[in-house]
Amino acid sequence: MEKLTTPKGIERDQATQARVEQECKQLSLYQFKTCPFCIKVRKEMARLNLPIELRDAQHNETHRTELEEQGGRVKVPCLRITQDSDEARWMYESDDIIQYLRERFEHA
């Protein structure tokens, strides 16, 4: 069902999309496949044409442990943002994640 309701991604020129893809390497989304809030974020990622790494915190023990130990709690969705200093910022709440992605990438 998710695939049927996912919007078409925005189109960018090749250079801009390459820059966006490079910036997305600093991001990863900890998520559960069937969580409705995670689905909401994944749909926005698709709309914004963002190849952000998905990390299954439900079935992958390594990802779940990272989320708990580094993020502070096992709650999804959670966007891990790696700063230039290699420090990570952990963003919870689907609406906050979507707002961040829109502000950073919608007009890229």
C-alpha atoms as a PDB file:
ATOM      1  CA  MET A   1       0.000   0.000   0.000  1.00  0.00           C
ATOM      2  CA  GLU A   2       2.811   2.411   0.828  1.00  0.00           C
ATOM      3  CA  LYS A   3       4.258   2.040  -2.643  1.00  0.00           C
ATOM      4  CA  LEU A   4       0.919   2.925  -4.246  1.00  0.00           C
ATOM      5  CA  THR A   5       0.501   6.112  -2.221  1.00  0.00           C
ATOM      6  CA  THR A   6       4.084   7.366  -2.337  1.00  0.00           C
ATOM      7  CA  PRO A   7       4.387  10.615  -4.311  1.00  0.00           C
ATOM      8  CA  LYS A   8       6.654  11.025  -7.318  1.00  0.00           C
ATOM      9  CA  GLY A   9       9.993  12.591  -6.427  1.00  0.00           C
ATOM     10  CA  ILE A  10      10.821  16.154  -7.353  1.00  0.00           C
ATOM     11  CA  GLU A  11      13.239  16.531 -10.228  1.00  0.00           C
ATOM     12  CA  ARG A  12      16.489  18.435  -9.979  1.00  0.00           C
ATOM     13  CA  ASP A  13      19.245  19.059 -12.477  1.00  0.00           C
ATOM     14  CA  GLN A  14      22.032  16.490 -12.355  1.00  0.00           C
ATOM     15  CA  ALA A  15      24.535  18.663 -10.447  1.00  0.00           C
ATOM     16  CA  THR A  16      22.001  19.662  -7.802  1.00  0.00           C
ATOM     17  CA  GLN A  17      20.816  16.076  -7.327  1.00  0.00           C
ATOM     18  CA  ALA A  18      24.425  14.925  -6.964  1.00  0.00           C
ATOM     19  CA  ARG A  19      24.966  17.539  -4.227  1.00  0.00           C
ATOM     20  CA  VAL A  20      21.764  16.468  -2.465  1.00  0.00           C
ATOM     21  CA  GLU A  21      22.829  12.821  -2.630  1.00  0.00           C
ATOM     22  CA  GLN A  22      26.206  13.718  -1.130  1.00  0.00           C
ATOM     23  CA  GLU A  23      24.521  15.611   1.726  1.00  0.00           C
ATOM     24  CA  CYS A  24      22.192  12.648   2.360  1.00  0.00           C
ATOM     25  CA  LYS A  25      25.213  10.501   3.212  1.00  0.00           C
ATOM     26  CA  GLN A  26      25.245  12.388   6.541  1.00  0.00           C
ATOM     27  CA  LEU A  27      21.704  11.187   7.314  1.00  0.00           C
ATOM     28  CA  SER A  28      20.147   7.900   8.347  1.00  0.00           C
ATOM     29  CA  LEU A  29      16.584   7.139   9.381  1.00  0.00           C
ATOM     30  CA  TYR A  30      16.009   4.648  12.184  1.00  0.00           C
ATOM     31  CA  GLN A  31      12.564   3.211  11.574  1.00  0.00           C
ATOM     32  CA  PHE A  32      10.125   0.330  11.743  1.00  0.00           C
ATOM     33  CA  LYS A  33       8.726  -0.808   8.393  1.00  0.00           C
ATOM     34  CA  THR A  34       5.047  -0.684   9.420  1.00  0.00           C
ATOM     35  CA  CYS A  35       5.095   2.315  11.773  1.00  0.00           C
ATOM     36  CA  PRO A  36       2.653   4.905  10.340  1.00  0.00           C
ATOM     37  CA  PHE A  37       4.877   7.806  11.416  1.00  0.00           C
ATOM     38  CA  CYS A  38       7.879   6.177   9.718  1.00  0.00           C
ATOM     39  CA  ILE A  39       5.811   5.676   6.566  1.00  0.00           C
ATOM     40  CA  LYS A  40       4.913   9.371   6.660  1.00  0.00           C
ATOM     41  CA  VAL A  41       8.617  10.312   6.775  1.00  0.00           C
ATOM     42  CA  ARG A  42       9.577   7.818   4.053  1.00  0.00           C
ATOM     43  CA  LYS A  43       6.892   9.255   1.756  1.00  0.00           C
ATOM     44  CA  GLU A  44       8.289  12.747   2.259  1.00  0.00           C
ATOM     45  CA  MET A  45      11.791  11.435   1.582  1.00  0.00           C
ATOM     46  CA  ALA A  46      10.474   9.973  -1.684  1.00  0.00           C
ATOM     47  CA  ARG A  47       8.735  13.238  -2.593  1.00  0.00           C
ATOM     48  CA  LEU A  48      11.941  15.178  -1.959  1.00  0.00           C
ATOM     49  CA  ASN A  49      13.950  12.524  -3.855  1.00  0.00           C
ATOM     50  CA  LEU A  50      16.290  11.878  -0.914  1.00  0.00           C
ATOM     51  CA  PRO A  51      18.346   8.645  -0.832  1.00  0.00           C
ATOM     52  CA  ILE A  52      18.636   8.526   2.969  1.00  0.00           C
ATOM     53  CA  GLU A  53      19.834   5.251   4.455  1.00  0.00           C
ATOM     54  CA  LEU A  54      17.060   3.353   6.249  1.00  0.00           C
ATOM     55  CA  ARG A  55      18.017   1.501   9.412  1.00  0.00           C
ATOM     56  CA  ASP A  56      15.625  -1.124  10.721  1.00  0.00           C
ATOM     57  CA  ALA A  57      15.506  -0.607  14.494  1.00  0.00           C
ATOM     58  CA  GLN A  58      12.846  -3.282  14.910  1.00  0.00           C
ATOM     59  CA  HIS A  59      14.570  -6.349  13.465  1.00  0.00           C
ATOM     60  CA  ASN A  60      18.238  -5.327  13.401  1.00  0.00           C
ATOM     61  CA  GLU A  61      19.727  -5.544  16.891  1.00  0.00           C
ATOM     62  CA  THR A  62      22.756  -3.415  15.954  1.00  0.00           C
ATOM     63  CA  HIS A  63      20.586  -0.541  14.758  1.00  0.00           C
ATOM     64  CA  ARG A  64      18.294  -0.860  17.764  1.00  0.00           C
ATOM     65  CA  THR A  65      21.272  -0.709  20.128  1.00  0.00           C
ATOM     66  CA  GLU A  66      22.737   2.327  18.316  1.00  0.00           C
ATOM     67  CA  LEU A  67      19.392   4.095  18.592  1.00  0.00           C
ATOM     68  CA  GLU A  68      19.092   3.351  22.298  1.00  0.00           C
ATOM     69  CA  GLU A  69      22.702   4.021  23.327  1.00  0.00           C
ATOM     70  CA  GLN A  70      23.506   6.972  21.090  1.00  0.00           C
ATOM     71  CA  GLY A  71      20.073   8.489  20.521  1.00  0.00           C
ATOM     72  CA  GLY A  72      18.934   7.961  24.084  1.00  0.00           C
ATOM     73  CA  ARG A  73      15.798   5.903  23.500  1.00  0.00           C
ATOM     74  CA  VAL A  74      14.215   3.362  21.212  1.00  0.00           C
ATOM     75  CA  LYS A  75      11.622   5.536  19.513  1.00  0.00           C
ATOM     76  CA  VAL A  76      10.989   5.819  15.800  1.00  0.00           C
ATOM     77  CA  PRO A  77      11.199   7.527  13.471  1.00  0.00           C
ATOM     78  CA  CYS A  78      14.550   9.025  14.387  1.00  0.00           C
ATOM     79  CA  LEU A  79      16.797  10.879  11.975  1.00  0.00           C
ATOM     80  CA  ARG A  80      20.514  10.689  12.744  1.00  0.00           C
ATOM     81  CA  ILE A  81      22.285  13.765  11.412  1.00  0.00           C
ATOM     82  CA  THR A  82      26.066  13.523  11.336  1.00  0.00           C
ATOM     83  CA  GLN A  83      27.679  16.924  11.692  1.00  0.00           C
ATOM     84  CA  ASP A  84      30.951  17.888   9.988  1.00  0.00           C
ATOM     85  CA  SER A  85      32.692  17.319  13.324  1.00  0.00           C
ATOM     86  CA  ASP A  86      31.470  13.680  13.229  1.00  0.00           C
ATOM     87  CA  GLU A  87      29.129  14.402  16.130  1.00  0.00           C
ATOM     88  CA  ALA A  88      25.615  13.084  15.704  1.00  0.00           C
ATOM     89  CA  ARG A  89      22.359  14.876  16.322  1.00  0.00           C
ATOM     90  CA  TRP A  90      19.325  12.651  16.897  1.00  0.00           C
ATOM     91  CA  MET A  91      15.965  14.042  15.777  1.00  0.00           C
ATOM     92  CA  TYR A  92      12.757  12.341  16.888  1.00  0.00           C
ATOM     93  CA  GLU A  93       9.144  13.122  15.881  1.00  0.00           C
ATOM     94  CA  SER A  94       7.968  12.690  12.302  1.00  0.00           C
ATOM     95  CA  ASP A  95       6.753  16.280  11.920  1.00  0.00           C
ATOM     96  CA  ASP A  96      10.105  17.675  13.103  1.00  0.00           C
ATOM     97  CA  ILE A  97      11.995  15.374  10.736  1.00  0.00           C
ATOM     98  CA  ILE A  98       9.783  16.341   7.792  1.00  0.00           C
ATOM     99  CA  GLN A  99      10.164  20.046   8.571  1.00  0.00           C
ATOM    100  CA  TYR A 100      13.955  19.664   8.753  1.00  0.00           C
ATOM    101  CA  LEU A 101      14.085  17.791   5.430  1.00  0.00           C
ATOM    102  CA  ARG A 102      11.867  20.364   3.710  1.00  0.00           C
ATOM    103  CA  GLU A 103      13.902  23.290   5.005  1.00  0.00           C
ATOM    104  CA  ARG A 104      17.163  21.663   3.962  1.00  0.00           C
ATOM    105  CA  PHE A 105      16.218  20.086   0.624  1.00  0.00           C
ATOM    106  CA  GLU A 106      12.905  21.323  -0.812  1.00  0.00           C
ATOM    107  CA  HIS A 107      14.465  24.203  -2.740  1.00  0.00           C
ATOM    108  CA  ALA A 108      17.886  22.635  -3.242  1.00  0.00           C
END
